[in-house]
Structures are given as structure tokens and as C-alpha cells.
Amino acid sequence: MDKRERLKEILLKKSVFFGDFVLSSGKKSNFYIDARISTLFPESAFLIGEIIFEILQKYEIDAVGGYSIGADPIVSSIAVISYIKGHPIPAFIIRKEEKTHGRGKEIEGNFSEGMKVAVVDDVITTGGSILKGINKVKELGSEAVVALSVIDREEGGSQKIREMGINFYSIFNLRDLGIKK
């Protein structure tokens, strides 16, 4: 079984729930994808890191990051896999709220002005979190050249990113997973 097929199997078993849910966008849905269960599970974390690392080889980036908490395990996995593969990609995390003590940083980890970065998230619906991440990176003087998610719910977020001139990839969309809205 290849990496994508195995990851799909894990996601469907661990992270997809059916019922009545309200999404972070406020929309109602008959299914919910709790991808953090899979992004924090050893085998699928490894697979996600490998798959996204392979995609990132098309780009010259200085770091990979995203908004906490959805991006945290993903960027860590990518950083570890990239080191193992001999092409280290440092990681960073964007805080939801600016830190009020210490250095007061909005972005933790390996980030500085002038970088070209990849921004990731676990699930993209309308694109709220990942778009905020892209804008925060830009506001702090760097450039998001590519954005990625594990799952695209195909509800407009990926289109908004592409309209900004940023390449977007998802490992899966709903059709890939066999989920109907």
C-alpha cells in the first residue's frame, strides 16, 4: 500500500465523524474531520510529513509554519522528516494571540523577515486560519510561496489562496476520501 492510501485509511478510521456539527466557519455540516487525531498519531504524522516534504521539494523555502494548533504537529513532522532526508526545513508556529511577556513574539521558532515560507494547516474550509497565517507572514516582512493542507473541504478556502497568487496543495479533498457534502 502506498503512503497516500495508508494515510487515507488512517484518516477515515480515526478522524472522520458523521452527525450534526458546526464548523469554525459557522457553517453546519453532516460530518466533521478532526484531523488532529491523525496528525498526532505516529504513523499518520510520519506519512503526512513525508508527503508534504515531497511536495515542498518543488519550492525553495526557508521554513514551514502555520497557525497553532492545527499546524503544530504537521510542521514538526515536516521538520523531522526533512532532517532525516538530508534537506532540513526549519519550522515556526504562529500564535493565535501575541505573547505579552518575554520577547512578545507573534511567531515562535525559526522565522525572520525576508524569508520565503510554506504555510500549512490540517483542514481547510473557508481558509480563515491559513489566510490569517499567510497575511501574518506578509505583515512581518516575509513571503508565503506555497500553502498546504492535509484535507481540503472544498468550500472556497483553496480558491481564495490561489487567487492571492499562492500555490495550494492538499493531500486529500472530499472526493478523494469518498465523502459527500
C-alpha atoms as a PDB file:
ATOM      1  CA  MET A   1       0.000   0.000   0.000  1.00  0.00           C
ATOM      2  CA  ASP A   2       1.412   3.415  -0.902  1.00  0.00           C
ATOM      3  CA  LYS A   3       1.728   6.338   1.546  1.00  0.00           C
ATOM      4  CA  ARG A   4      -1.364   8.205   0.401  1.00  0.00           C
ATOM      5  CA  GLU A   5      -3.587   5.128   0.533  1.00  0.00           C
ATOM      6  CA  ARG A   6      -2.370   4.224   4.013  1.00  0.00           C
ATOM      7  CA  LEU A   7      -2.864   7.805   5.210  1.00  0.00           C
ATOM      8  CA  LYS A   8      -6.374   7.829   3.746  1.00  0.00           C
ATOM      9  CA  GLU A   9      -7.177   4.622   5.616  1.00  0.00           C
ATOM     10  CA  ILE A  10      -5.997   6.116   8.917  1.00  0.00           C
ATOM     11  CA  LEU A  11      -7.832   9.423   8.392  1.00  0.00           C
ATOM     12  CA  LEU A  12     -11.114   7.689   7.577  1.00  0.00           C
ATOM     13  CA  LYS A  13     -10.808   5.403  10.589  1.00  0.00           C
ATOM     14  CA  LYS A  14      -9.650   7.953  13.170  1.00  0.00           C
ATOM     15  CA  SER A  15     -10.607  11.459  12.043  1.00  0.00           C
ATOM     16  CA  VAL A  16     -13.929  11.458  10.151  1.00  0.00           C
ATOM     17  CA  PHE A  17     -17.164  11.660  12.153  1.00  0.00           C
ATOM     18  CA  PHE A  18     -20.744  11.834  10.924  1.00  0.00           C
ATOM     19  CA  GLY A  19     -23.585  13.681  12.671  1.00  0.00           C
ATOM     20  CA  ASP A  20     -24.595  17.316  13.101  1.00  0.00           C
ATOM     21  CA  PHE A  21     -21.689  19.723  13.546  1.00  0.00           C
ATOM     22  CA  VAL A  22     -20.973  23.450  13.455  1.00  0.00           C
ATOM     23  CA  LEU A  23     -17.626  24.260  11.812  1.00  0.00           C
ATOM     24  CA  SER A  24     -15.242  27.051  12.846  1.00  0.00           C
ATOM     25  CA  SER A  25     -16.583  28.997   9.856  1.00  0.00           C
ATOM     26  CA  GLY A  26     -20.043  28.869  11.470  1.00  0.00           C
ATOM     27  CA  LYS A  27     -21.384  26.601   8.736  1.00  0.00           C
ATOM     28  CA  LYS A  28     -23.339  23.473   9.622  1.00  0.00           C
ATOM     29  CA  SER A  29     -22.136  20.118   8.365  1.00  0.00           C
ATOM     30  CA  ASN A  30     -23.232  16.479   8.481  1.00  0.00           C
ATOM     31  CA  PHE A  31     -19.619  15.406   9.014  1.00  0.00           C
ATOM     32  CA  TYR A  32     -16.604  16.636  10.936  1.00  0.00           C
ATOM     33  CA  ILE A  33     -12.948  15.977  10.231  1.00  0.00           C
ATOM     34  CA  ASP A  34     -10.916  16.048  13.432  1.00  0.00           C
ATOM     35  CA  ALA A  35      -7.581  15.787  11.647  1.00  0.00           C
ATOM     36  CA  ARG A  36      -5.610  16.473  14.831  1.00  0.00           C
ATOM     37  CA  ILE A  37      -6.291  12.895  15.902  1.00  0.00           C
ATOM     38  CA  SER A  38      -4.388  11.739  12.832  1.00  0.00           C
ATOM     39  CA  THR A  39      -1.744  14.486  12.738  1.00  0.00           C
ATOM     40  CA  LEU A  40      -0.843  13.490  16.302  1.00  0.00           C
ATOM     41  CA  PHE A  41      -0.858   9.724  15.634  1.00  0.00           C
ATOM     42  CA  PRO A  42       2.679   8.363  14.992  1.00  0.00           C
ATOM     43  CA  GLU A  43       2.155   6.569  11.679  1.00  0.00           C
ATOM     44  CA  SER A  44      -0.018   9.210  10.042  1.00  0.00           C
ATOM     45  CA  ALA A  45       2.179  12.060  11.355  1.00  0.00           C
ATOM     46  CA  PHE A  46       5.104  10.360   9.636  1.00  0.00           C
ATOM     47  CA  LEU A  47       3.138   9.893   6.394  1.00  0.00           C
ATOM     48  CA  ILE A  48       1.904  13.496   6.372  1.00  0.00           C
ATOM     49  CA  GLY A  49       5.441  14.748   6.938  1.00  0.00           C
ATOM     50  CA  GLU A  50       6.805  12.623   4.103  1.00  0.00           C
ATOM     51  CA  ILE A  51       4.075  13.536   1.613  1.00  0.00           C
ATOM     52  CA  ILE A  52       4.270  17.278   2.294  1.00  0.00           C
ATOM     53  CA  PHE A  53       8.084  17.205   2.299  1.00  0.00           C
ATOM     54  CA  GLU A  54       7.965  15.657  -1.193  1.00  0.00           C
ATOM     55  CA  ILE A  55       5.640  18.431  -2.414  1.00  0.00           C
ATOM     56  CA  LEU A  56       7.864  21.107  -0.884  1.00  0.00           C
ATOM     57  CA  GLN A  57      10.837  19.895  -2.929  1.00  0.00           C
ATOM     58  CA  LYS A  58       9.367  21.875  -5.857  1.00  0.00           C
ATOM     59  CA  TYR A  59       9.947  25.118  -3.930  1.00  0.00           C
ATOM     60  CA  GLU A  60      12.878  26.983  -2.469  1.00  0.00           C
ATOM     61  CA  ILE A  61      11.626  27.779   1.008  1.00  0.00           C
ATOM     62  CA  ASP A  62      13.404  28.830   4.164  1.00  0.00           C
ATOM     63  CA  ALA A  63      10.865  27.443   6.659  1.00  0.00           C
ATOM     64  CA  VAL A  64       7.431  25.893   7.095  1.00  0.00           C
ATOM     65  CA  GLY A  65       4.811  27.014   9.593  1.00  0.00           C
ATOM     66  CA  GLY A  66       1.215  27.775  10.360  1.00  0.00           C
ATOM     67  CA  TYR A  67      -1.290  28.799  12.985  1.00  0.00           C
ATOM     68  CA  SER A  68      -1.290  26.977  16.265  1.00  0.00           C
ATOM     69  CA  ILE A  69      -2.864  24.408  16.952  1.00  0.00           C
ATOM     70  CA  GLY A  70      -3.761  22.782  13.639  1.00  0.00           C
ATOM     71  CA  ALA A  71      -0.313  23.296  12.136  1.00  0.00           C
ATOM     72  CA  ASP A  72       1.795  22.384  15.187  1.00  0.00           C
ATOM     73  CA  PRO A  73       2.153  18.625  14.669  1.00  0.00           C
ATOM     74  CA  ILE A  74       2.356  18.991  10.888  1.00  0.00           C
ATOM     75  CA  VAL A  75       5.259  21.434  10.864  1.00  0.00           C
ATOM     76  CA  SER A  76       7.090  19.364  13.475  1.00  0.00           C
ATOM     77  CA  SER A  77       6.666  16.247  11.364  1.00  0.00           C
ATOM     78  CA  ILE A  78       7.900  18.022   8.226  1.00  0.00           C
ATOM     79  CA  ALA A  79      10.935  19.402  10.082  1.00  0.00           C
ATOM     80  CA  VAL A  80      11.911  15.943  11.382  1.00  0.00           C
ATOM     81  CA  ILE A  81      11.341  14.212   8.030  1.00  0.00           C
ATOM     82  CA  SER A  82      13.300  16.934   6.209  1.00  0.00           C
ATOM     83  CA  TYR A  83      16.258  16.407   8.535  1.00  0.00           C
ATOM     84  CA  ILE A  84      16.144  12.635   8.035  1.00  0.00           C
ATOM     85  CA  LYS A  85      16.024  13.170   4.257  1.00  0.00           C
ATOM     86  CA  GLY A  86      19.096  15.433   4.374  1.00  0.00           C
ATOM     87  CA  HIS A  87      17.315  18.649   3.381  1.00  0.00           C
ATOM     88  CA  PRO A  88      16.371  20.331   6.674  1.00  0.00           C
ATOM     89  CA  ILE A  89      13.398  22.698   6.649  1.00  0.00           C
ATOM     90  CA  PRO A  90      13.068  24.651   9.917  1.00  0.00           C
ATOM     91  CA  ALA A  91       9.600  25.156  11.419  1.00  0.00           C
ATOM     92  CA  PHE A  92       7.675  28.009  13.025  1.00  0.00           C
ATOM     93  CA  ILE A  93       4.304  28.431  14.735  1.00  0.00           C
ATOM     94  CA  ILE A  94       2.067  31.499  14.543  1.00  0.00           C
ATOM     95  CA  ARG A  95       0.470  32.358  17.871  1.00  0.00           C
ATOM     96  CA  LYS A  96      -3.260  32.982  17.958  1.00  0.00           C
ATOM     97  CA  GLU A  97      -2.577  35.859  20.349  1.00  0.00           C
ATOM     98  CA  GLU A  98       0.544  37.967  20.623  1.00  0.00           C
ATOM     99  CA  LYS A  99       2.738  36.957  23.535  1.00  0.00           C
ATOM    100  CA  THR A 100       2.593  39.589  26.293  1.00  0.00           C
ATOM    101  CA  HIS A 101       5.786  38.595  28.088  1.00  0.00           C
ATOM    102  CA  GLY A 102       9.369  37.742  27.189  1.00  0.00           C
ATOM    103  CA  ARG A 103      10.157  38.867  23.646  1.00  0.00           C
ATOM    104  CA  GLY A 104       6.468  39.369  22.793  1.00  0.00           C
ATOM    105  CA  LYS A 105       6.747  37.383  19.583  1.00  0.00           C
ATOM    106  CA  GLU A 106       3.804  36.641  17.315  1.00  0.00           C
ATOM    107  CA  ILE A 107       5.673  33.851  15.552  1.00  0.00           C
ATOM    108  CA  GLU A 108       7.667  31.288  17.513  1.00  0.00           C
ATOM    109  CA  GLY A 109      10.509  29.221  16.180  1.00  0.00           C
ATOM    110  CA  ASN A 110      12.502  29.649  13.016  1.00  0.00           C
ATOM    111  CA  PHE A 111      11.120  32.758  11.357  1.00  0.00           C
ATOM    112  CA  SER A 112      12.605  36.093  10.367  1.00  0.00           C
ATOM    113  CA  GLU A 113      11.942  38.918   7.964  1.00  0.00           C
ATOM    114  CA  GLY A 114      12.762  38.239   4.316  1.00  0.00           C
ATOM    115  CA  MET A 115      12.040  34.515   4.328  1.00  0.00           C
ATOM    116  CA  LYS A 116      10.168  32.549   1.690  1.00  0.00           C
ATOM    117  CA  VAL A 117       7.922  30.113   3.557  1.00  0.00           C
ATOM    118  CA  ALA A 118       5.289  27.423   3.241  1.00  0.00           C
ATOM    119  CA  VAL A 119       2.139  27.789   5.363  1.00  0.00           C
ATOM    120  CA  VAL A 120       0.219  24.655   6.389  1.00  0.00           C
ATOM    121  CA  ASP A 121      -2.983  23.695   8.180  1.00  0.00           C
ATOM    122  CA  ASP A 122      -4.725  20.428   8.942  1.00  0.00           C
ATOM    123  CA  VAL A 123      -8.125  21.089   7.329  1.00  0.00           C
ATOM    124  CA  ILE A 124      -9.124  23.997   5.108  1.00  0.00           C
ATOM    125  CA  THR A 125     -12.755  25.002   4.686  1.00  0.00           C
ATOM    126  CA  THR A 126     -13.213  28.717   4.030  1.00  0.00           C
ATOM    127  CA  GLY A 127      -9.493  29.303   4.561  1.00  0.00           C
ATOM    128  CA  GLY A 128      -9.747  31.507   7.659  1.00  0.00           C
ATOM    129  CA  SER A 129      -6.741  30.198   9.600  1.00  0.00           C
ATOM    130  CA  ILE A 130      -4.399  29.627   6.702  1.00  0.00           C
ATOM    131  CA  LEU A 131      -5.245  33.014   5.152  1.00  0.00           C
ATOM    132  CA  LYS A 132      -4.567  34.697   8.513  1.00  0.00           C
ATOM    133  CA  GLY A 133      -1.246  32.862   8.588  1.00  0.00           C
ATOM    134  CA  ILE A 134      -0.324  33.980   5.082  1.00  0.00           C
ATOM    135  CA  ASN A 135      -1.228  37.569   5.959  1.00  0.00           C
ATOM    136  CA  LYS A 136       0.727  37.477   9.259  1.00  0.00           C
ATOM    137  CA  VAL A 137       3.822  36.204   7.438  1.00  0.00           C
ATOM    138  CA  LYS A 138       3.464  39.039   4.920  1.00  0.00           C
ATOM    139  CA  GLU A 139       2.836  41.635   7.653  1.00  0.00           C
ATOM    140  CA  LEU A 140       6.085  40.577   9.337  1.00  0.00           C
ATOM    141  CA  GLY A 141       8.100  41.002   6.141  1.00  0.00           C
ATOM    142  CA  SER A 142       8.236  37.542   4.598  1.00  0.00           C
ATOM    143  CA  GLU A 143       6.513  35.783   1.707  1.00  0.00           C
ATOM    144  CA  ALA A 144       4.285  32.717   1.654  1.00  0.00           C
ATOM    145  CA  VAL A 145       5.094  30.985  -1.630  1.00  0.00           C
ATOM    146  CA  VAL A 146       3.025  27.854  -1.097  1.00  0.00           C
ATOM    147  CA  ALA A 147       0.186  26.751   1.192  1.00  0.00           C
ATOM    148  CA  LEU A 148      -0.778  23.176   2.022  1.00  0.00           C
ATOM    149  CA  SER A 149      -3.367  21.249   3.976  1.00  0.00           C
ATOM    150  CA  VAL A 150      -3.968  17.641   4.790  1.00  0.00           C
ATOM    151  CA  ILE A 151      -7.633  17.919   3.750  1.00  0.00           C
ATOM    152  CA  ASP A 152      -9.464  20.490   1.620  1.00  0.00           C
ATOM    153  CA  ARG A 153     -13.196  20.530   2.359  1.00  0.00           C
ATOM    154  CA  GLU A 154     -13.637  22.315  -0.995  1.00  0.00           C
ATOM    155  CA  GLU A 155     -15.647  25.205   0.406  1.00  0.00           C
ATOM    156  CA  GLY A 156     -13.733  28.120  -1.095  1.00  0.00           C
ATOM    157  CA  GLY A 157     -10.577  28.388   1.000  1.00  0.00           C
ATOM    158  CA  SER A 158      -8.174  26.888  -1.509  1.00  0.00           C
ATOM    159  CA  GLN A 159      -9.616  29.090  -4.259  1.00  0.00           C
ATOM    160  CA  LYS A 160      -9.024  32.239  -2.155  1.00  0.00           C
ATOM    161  CA  ILE A 161      -5.390  31.214  -1.661  1.00  0.00           C
ATOM    162  CA  ARG A 162      -4.870  30.631  -5.378  1.00  0.00           C
ATOM    163  CA  GLU A 163      -6.494  33.999  -6.130  1.00  0.00           C
ATOM    164  CA  MET A 164      -3.739  35.569  -3.979  1.00  0.00           C
ATOM    165  CA  GLY A 165      -1.201  34.073  -6.404  1.00  0.00           C
ATOM    166  CA  ILE A 166      -0.052  31.427  -3.933  1.00  0.00           C
ATOM    167  CA  ASN A 167       0.227  27.790  -4.953  1.00  0.00           C
ATOM    168  CA  PHE A 168      -2.010  25.497  -2.916  1.00  0.00           C
ATOM    169  CA  TYR A 169      -1.894  21.737  -2.400  1.00  0.00           C
ATOM    170  CA  SER A 170      -3.908  19.367  -0.273  1.00  0.00           C
ATOM    171  CA  ILE A 171      -3.111  15.735   0.267  1.00  0.00           C
ATOM    172  CA  PHE A 172      -6.832  14.940   0.020  1.00  0.00           C
ATOM    173  CA  ASN A 173     -10.096  16.602  -0.846  1.00  0.00           C
ATOM    174  CA  LEU A 174     -13.542  15.248  -0.008  1.00  0.00           C
ATOM    175  CA  ARG A 175     -13.854  13.317  -3.271  1.00  0.00           C
ATOM    176  CA  ASP A 176     -10.534  11.589  -2.569  1.00  0.00           C
ATOM    177  CA  LEU A 177     -11.909  10.476   0.796  1.00  0.00           C
ATOM    178  CA  GLY A 178     -15.276   9.426  -0.643  1.00  0.00           C
ATOM    179  CA  ILE A 179     -17.167  11.962   1.494  1.00  0.00           C
ATOM    180  CA  LYS A 180     -20.217  13.723   0.088  1.00  0.00           C
ATOM    181  CA  LYS A 181     -21.372  17.081   1.429  1.00  0.00           C
END
